[in-house]
Amino acid sequence: MAQYKSVFDIIGPVMIGPSSSHTAGAARIGKVVRSIFGEQPEQVDLYLYESFAKTYRGHGTDIALVGGLLGMEPDDQRLADSMKLAHELGMQVTFVPRPEKSDHPNQVKIVVRSGNRILSCTGISIGGGSIQISELDGFKVNLDMTTPTYLTVHQDRPGVVAHVTHILSEKHINISTMTVTRESKGEKAIMIIEVDERVEGLTDVLKNIEHVHSVSFFG
């Protein structure tokens, strides 16, 4: 017998649009990128691959991605007007269908900019509204958003990782998996920490650690 994690694996998510992969999943990818970036971007470039590239207008992938980047959930009634709302808010959006093959037929690379800040993120819609984040600023990652996860972007300095784990230990937070990746010695690094449960206020505590640039929570 097949195993299901939730009722959504059987009946699909509540959403606006014709396809869970092309709308619900796309909206969630957009919202995750918005959360990691920490603010509404001024400029967005969306590189669409395979199925996304072929049908992004007809299946509502375009409005879903933009709606997510504006902070909307897949069932938000404003999704249909997301392009108009983005324009009114001054967010410039460019869609770039790509002809080459990708790791998954429903894949998008999103590059967001605001002032001097820039973030690159690749997301995959795997069906039923479920998503995976496979790349973040050039780092290969594996975020599926099914467990409580803290993601930090920090400068690679001695003691930063130890400081984070010490705080988690003090708050009796159990770590299920933890991944640390860096560009090179002393450069930007990312921590992905999957935990048993969310702790209120932890995100703000981690943000105050020296050399930590940003902290996001999913789950």
Foldseek 3Di string as FASTA:
>chain_A
DDDDPDCLVPVFDQAPWDFLLQALQLLQVLLVVLQQLVHQFLEKEKEWEAPCLVCNPVGVSVLSNLNSSVVDHRNDPCSVVSVVVCVVVNRHYHYHYDYDHDPANGKMWMWGHHDPDIKIWIKGRPGSSWIWTQDIRRDGDTDGLPFKKKKWKFFQDPPLVVVLVVVCVVVVWAWPDKDKDAPDHRGIIMIITGTHDDDPPSQVVSCPDPRTPHMGIGD
